């Protein structure tokens, strides 16, 4: 099992590849691409919130305010994504909302990969990172099942 930092970065790369498609998409392609973003992003965020963020706060308390900012960003991005999924892809403003969503996620990824995760990686042991990787993967799978089932709180 890979360490949690590797797994998080892999998710970020998968998301970025969907964002690149979304930026060039025709309106008819947008709903499917947004669902792909949702299935990558929401379980990732939920797993970070459940498993990774508490560990970061515990192991690297100096990163607590950045982690709290990340949590706020997750909530805002998920709300924007819900709004987009409920919108007509050809409605005025949808392209701007998509651009805002992508921009906010890219900013969040940059903060995580350049500040939070390196500090956490330096402070945590390999065993901690490996165990968190397993917990992160399990939490992601659980969140994805919940999302696909359409249950509240997914």
C-alpha atoms as a PDB file:
ATOM      1  CA  UNK A   1       0.000   0.000   0.000  1.00  0.00           C
ATOM      2  CA  UNK A   2       1.295   3.441  -0.921  1.00  0.00           C
ATOM      3  CA  UNK A   3       1.704   6.159   1.627  1.00  0.00           C
ATOM      4  CA  UNK A   4      -1.140   8.605   2.009  1.00  0.00           C
ATOM      5  CA  UNK A   5       0.777  11.502   0.428  1.00  0.00           C
ATOM      6  CA  UNK A   6       1.365   9.510  -2.754  1.00  0.00           C
ATOM      7  CA  UNK A   7      -2.310   8.529  -2.882  1.00  0.00           C
ATOM      8  CA  UNK A   8      -3.453  12.134  -2.429  1.00  0.00           C
ATOM      9  CA  UNK A   9      -1.146  13.350  -5.202  1.00  0.00           C
ATOM     10  CA  UNK A  10      -2.363  10.585  -7.525  1.00  0.00           C
ATOM     11  CA  UNK A  11      -5.955  11.722  -6.939  1.00  0.00           C
ATOM     12  CA  UNK A  12      -4.931  15.307  -7.681  1.00  0.00           C
ATOM     13  CA  UNK A  13      -3.421  14.182 -11.011  1.00  0.00           C
ATOM     14  CA  UNK A  14      -6.570  12.249 -11.987  1.00  0.00           C
ATOM     15  CA  UNK A  15      -8.691  15.288 -11.175  1.00  0.00           C
ATOM     16  CA  UNK A  16      -6.437  17.575 -13.190  1.00  0.00           C
ATOM     17  CA  UNK A  17      -6.819  15.352 -16.261  1.00  0.00           C
ATOM     18  CA  UNK A  18     -10.628  15.624 -16.006  1.00  0.00           C
ATOM     19  CA  UNK A  19     -10.335  19.398 -15.518  1.00  0.00           C
ATOM     20  CA  UNK A  20      -8.342  19.660 -18.766  1.00  0.00           C
ATOM     21  CA  UNK A  21     -11.153  17.845 -20.614  1.00  0.00           C
ATOM     22  CA  UNK A  22     -13.772  19.983 -18.888  1.00  0.00           C
ATOM     23  CA  UNK A  23     -12.040  23.199 -19.949  1.00  0.00           C
ATOM     24  CA  UNK A  24     -12.333  22.153 -23.630  1.00  0.00           C
ATOM     25  CA  UNK A  25     -15.724  20.400 -23.381  1.00  0.00           C
ATOM     26  CA  UNK A  26     -18.761  21.043 -25.521  1.00  0.00           C
ATOM     27  CA  UNK A  27     -21.950  21.678 -23.482  1.00  0.00           C
ATOM     28  CA  UNK A  28     -23.214  18.133 -24.130  1.00  0.00           C
ATOM     29  CA  UNK A  29     -20.054  16.666 -22.534  1.00  0.00           C
ATOM     30  CA  UNK A  30     -20.187  18.822 -19.395  1.00  0.00           C
ATOM     31  CA  UNK A  31     -22.675  16.824 -17.250  1.00  0.00           C
ATOM     32  CA  UNK A  32     -20.698  13.575 -17.643  1.00  0.00           C
ATOM     33  CA  UNK A  33     -17.390  15.320 -16.898  1.00  0.00           C
ATOM     34  CA  UNK A  34     -18.887  17.016 -13.827  1.00  0.00           C
ATOM     35  CA  UNK A  35     -20.045  13.615 -12.558  1.00  0.00           C
ATOM     36  CA  UNK A  36     -16.477  12.334 -13.051  1.00  0.00           C
ATOM     37  CA  UNK A  37     -15.197  15.315 -11.043  1.00  0.00           C
ATOM     38  CA  UNK A  38     -17.776  14.562  -8.350  1.00  0.00           C
ATOM     39  CA  UNK A  39     -16.794  10.874  -8.131  1.00  0.00           C
ATOM     40  CA  UNK A  40     -13.107  11.801  -7.817  1.00  0.00           C
ATOM     41  CA  UNK A  41     -13.408  14.905  -5.674  1.00  0.00           C
ATOM     42  CA  UNK A  42     -16.115  14.190  -3.096  1.00  0.00           C
ATOM     43  CA  UNK A  43     -14.758  10.835  -1.815  1.00  0.00           C
ATOM     44  CA  UNK A  44     -11.232  12.326  -1.810  1.00  0.00           C
ATOM     45  CA  UNK A  45     -12.395  15.315   0.248  1.00  0.00           C
ATOM     46  CA  UNK A  46     -14.438  13.204   2.669  1.00  0.00           C
ATOM     47  CA  UNK A  47     -11.497  10.825   3.215  1.00  0.00           C
ATOM     48  CA  UNK A  48      -9.121  13.742   3.810  1.00  0.00           C
ATOM     49  CA  UNK A  49     -11.548  15.236   6.326  1.00  0.00           C
ATOM     50  CA  UNK A  50     -12.121  11.928   8.131  1.00  0.00           C
ATOM     51  CA  UNK A  51      -8.599  10.460   8.119  1.00  0.00           C
ATOM     52  CA  UNK A  52      -5.878  12.790   6.884  1.00  0.00           C
ATOM     53  CA  UNK A  53      -6.709  16.199   8.300  1.00  0.00           C
ATOM     54  CA  UNK A  54      -7.024  15.005  11.927  1.00  0.00           C
ATOM     55  CA  UNK A  55      -3.653  13.230  11.557  1.00  0.00           C
ATOM     56  CA  UNK A  56      -2.014  16.338  10.095  1.00  0.00           C
ATOM     57  CA  UNK A  57      -3.356  18.472  12.958  1.00  0.00           C
ATOM     58  CA  UNK A  58      -2.093  15.916  15.471  1.00  0.00           C
ATOM     59  CA  UNK A  59       1.363  15.371  13.955  1.00  0.00           C
ATOM     60  CA  UNK A  60       2.020  18.884  12.578  1.00  0.00           C
ATOM     61  CA  UNK A  61       0.001  21.359  14.674  1.00  0.00           C
ATOM     62  CA  UNK A  62       1.631  24.287  12.824  1.00  0.00           C
ATOM     63  CA  UNK A  63      -0.422  23.279   9.767  1.00  0.00           C
ATOM     64  CA  UNK A  64      -3.770  23.474  11.624  1.00  0.00           C
ATOM     65  CA  UNK A  65      -4.888  26.802  10.180  1.00  0.00           C
ATOM     66  CA  UNK A  66      -4.018  25.668   6.634  1.00  0.00           C
ATOM     67  CA  UNK A  67      -5.946  22.451   7.248  1.00  0.00           C
ATOM     68  CA  UNK A  68      -8.940  24.482   8.468  1.00  0.00           C
ATOM     69  CA  UNK A  69      -8.717  26.590   5.306  1.00  0.00           C
ATOM     70  CA  UNK A  70      -8.644  23.384   3.274  1.00  0.00           C
ATOM     71  CA  UNK A  71     -11.794  22.187   4.999  1.00  0.00           C
ATOM     72  CA  UNK A  72     -13.575  25.431   4.103  1.00  0.00           C
ATOM     73  CA  UNK A  73     -12.372  25.075   0.510  1.00  0.00           C
ATOM     74  CA  UNK A  74     -13.762  21.515   0.367  1.00  0.00           C
ATOM     75  CA  UNK A  75     -17.175  22.737   1.508  1.00  0.00           C
ATOM     76  CA  UNK A  76     -17.226  25.622  -0.968  1.00  0.00           C
ATOM     77  CA  UNK A  77     -16.076  23.464  -3.892  1.00  0.00           C
ATOM     78  CA  UNK A  78     -18.669  20.770  -3.106  1.00  0.00           C
ATOM     79  CA  UNK A  79     -21.437  23.397  -2.971  1.00  0.00           C
ATOM     80  CA  UNK A  80     -20.286  24.835  -6.320  1.00  0.00           C
ATOM     81  CA  UNK A  81     -20.164  21.340  -7.814  1.00  0.00           C
ATOM     82  CA  UNK A  82     -23.721  20.610  -6.612  1.00  0.00           C
ATOM     83  CA  UNK A  83     -24.874  23.868  -8.188  1.00  0.00           C
ATOM     84  CA  UNK A  84     -23.181  22.955 -11.481  1.00  0.00           C
ATOM     85  CA  UNK A  85     -24.626  19.437 -11.513  1.00  0.00           C
ATOM     86  CA  UNK A  86     -28.114  20.945 -11.140  1.00  0.00           C
ATOM     87  CA  UNK A  87     -27.547  23.519 -13.903  1.00  0.00           C
ATOM     88  CA  UNK A  88     -28.177  23.430 -17.629  1.00  0.00           C
ATOM     89  CA  UNK A  89     -24.666  23.272 -19.159  1.00  0.00           C
ATOM     90  CA  UNK A  90     -25.691  25.966 -21.651  1.00  0.00           C
ATOM     91  CA  UNK A  91     -27.106  28.343 -19.028  1.00  0.00           C
ATOM     92  CA  UNK A  92     -25.425  31.739 -18.715  1.00  0.00           C
ATOM     93  CA  UNK A  93     -22.665  31.744 -16.133  1.00  0.00           C
ATOM     94  CA  UNK A  94     -22.057  27.991 -16.105  1.00  0.00           C
ATOM     95  CA  UNK A  95     -18.698  28.381 -17.859  1.00  0.00           C
ATOM     96  CA  UNK A  96     -17.656  30.953 -15.249  1.00  0.00           C
ATOM     97  CA  UNK A  97     -18.716  28.651 -12.412  1.00  0.00           C
ATOM     98  CA  UNK A  98     -16.736  25.797 -13.946  1.00  0.00           C
ATOM     99  CA  UNK A  99     -13.684  28.049 -14.250  1.00  0.00           C
ATOM    100  CA  UNK A 100     -14.112  29.161 -10.625  1.00  0.00           C
ATOM    101  CA  UNK A 101     -14.448  25.560  -9.423  1.00  0.00           C
ATOM    102  CA  UNK A 102     -11.331  24.466 -11.309  1.00  0.00           C
ATOM    103  CA  UNK A 103      -9.381  27.506 -10.107  1.00  0.00           C
ATOM    104  CA  UNK A 104     -10.326  26.927  -6.484  1.00  0.00           C
ATOM    105  CA  UNK A 105      -9.418  23.234  -6.608  1.00  0.00           C
ATOM    106  CA  UNK A 106      -6.084  23.994  -8.294  1.00  0.00           C
ATOM    107  CA  UNK A 107      -5.299  26.556  -5.592  1.00  0.00           C
ATOM    108  CA  UNK A 108      -6.224  24.018  -2.892  1.00  0.00           C
ATOM    109  CA  UNK A 109      -4.047  21.326  -4.511  1.00  0.00           C
ATOM    110  CA  UNK A 110      -1.119  23.726  -4.740  1.00  0.00           C
ATOM    111  CA  UNK A 111      -1.385  24.606  -1.021  1.00  0.00           C
ATOM    112  CA  UNK A 112      -1.610  20.945  -0.059  1.00  0.00           C
ATOM    113  CA  UNK A 113       1.254  19.791  -2.270  1.00  0.00           C
ATOM    114  CA  UNK A 114       3.613  22.694  -1.609  1.00  0.00           C
ATOM    115  CA  UNK A 115       2.976  23.409   2.082  1.00  0.00           C
ATOM    116  CA  UNK A 116       0.819  21.022   4.078  1.00  0.00           C
ATOM    117  CA  UNK A 117       1.871  17.621   2.702  1.00  0.00           C
ATOM    118  CA  UNK A 118       5.645  18.271   2.711  1.00  0.00           C
ATOM    119  CA  UNK A 119       5.515  19.424   6.358  1.00  0.00           C
ATOM    120  CA  UNK A 120       3.367  16.420   7.242  1.00  0.00           C
ATOM    121  CA  UNK A 121       5.628  14.036   5.315  1.00  0.00           C
ATOM    122  CA  UNK A 122       8.669  15.333   7.185  1.00  0.00           C
ATOM    123  CA  UNK A 123       7.023  14.914  10.596  1.00  0.00           C
ATOM    124  CA  UNK A 124       5.187  11.599  10.130  1.00  0.00           C
ATOM    125  CA  UNK A 125       6.829   8.183  10.138  1.00  0.00           C
ATOM    126  CA  UNK A 126       6.674   5.900   7.107  1.00  0.00           C
ATOM    127  CA  UNK A 127       4.477   3.557   9.106  1.00  0.00           C
ATOM    128  CA  UNK A 128       2.057   6.377   9.941  1.00  0.00           C
ATOM    129  CA  UNK A 129       1.916   7.409   6.281  1.00  0.00           C
ATOM    130  CA  UNK A 130       1.328   3.815   5.175  1.00  0.00           C
ATOM    131  CA  UNK A 131      -1.421   3.203   7.766  1.00  0.00           C
ATOM    132  CA  UNK A 132      -3.069   6.491   6.835  1.00  0.00           C
ATOM    133  CA  UNK A 133      -2.894   5.439   3.187  1.00  0.00           C
ATOM    134  CA  UNK A 134      -4.920   2.317   3.987  1.00  0.00           C
ATOM    135  CA  UNK A 135      -7.426   4.303   6.060  1.00  0.00           C
ATOM    136  CA  UNK A 136      -7.664   6.996   3.347  1.00  0.00           C
ATOM    137  CA  UNK A 137      -8.367   4.371   0.663  1.00  0.00           C
ATOM    138  CA  UNK A 138     -11.052   2.704   2.805  1.00  0.00           C
ATOM    139  CA  UNK A 139     -12.677   6.051   3.668  1.00  0.00           C
ATOM    140  CA  UNK A 140     -12.668   7.046  -0.005  1.00  0.00           C
ATOM    141  CA  UNK A 141     -14.346   3.790  -1.014  1.00  0.00           C
ATOM    142  CA  UNK A 142     -16.968   4.236   1.700  1.00  0.00           C
ATOM    143  CA  UNK A 143     -17.664   7.825   0.581  1.00  0.00           C
ATOM    144  CA  UNK A 144     -17.908   6.751  -3.071  1.00  0.00           C
ATOM    145  CA  UNK A 145     -20.441   4.023  -2.185  1.00  0.00           C
ATOM    146  CA  UNK A 146     -22.425   6.591  -0.224  1.00  0.00           C
ATOM    147  CA  UNK A 147     -22.266   9.095  -3.105  1.00  0.00           C
ATOM    148  CA  UNK A 148     -23.414   6.501  -5.644  1.00  0.00           C
ATOM    149  CA  UNK A 149     -26.234   5.400  -3.354  1.00  0.00           C
ATOM    150  CA  UNK A 150     -27.341   9.028  -3.236  1.00  0.00           C
ATOM    151  CA  UNK A 151     -27.559   8.984   0.529  1.00  0.00           C
ATOM    152  CA  UNK A 152     -27.613  12.251   2.447  1.00  0.00           C
ATOM    153  CA  UNK A 153     -24.295  13.402   3.760  1.00  0.00           C
ATOM    154  CA  UNK A 154     -22.467  11.768   0.874  1.00  0.00           C
END
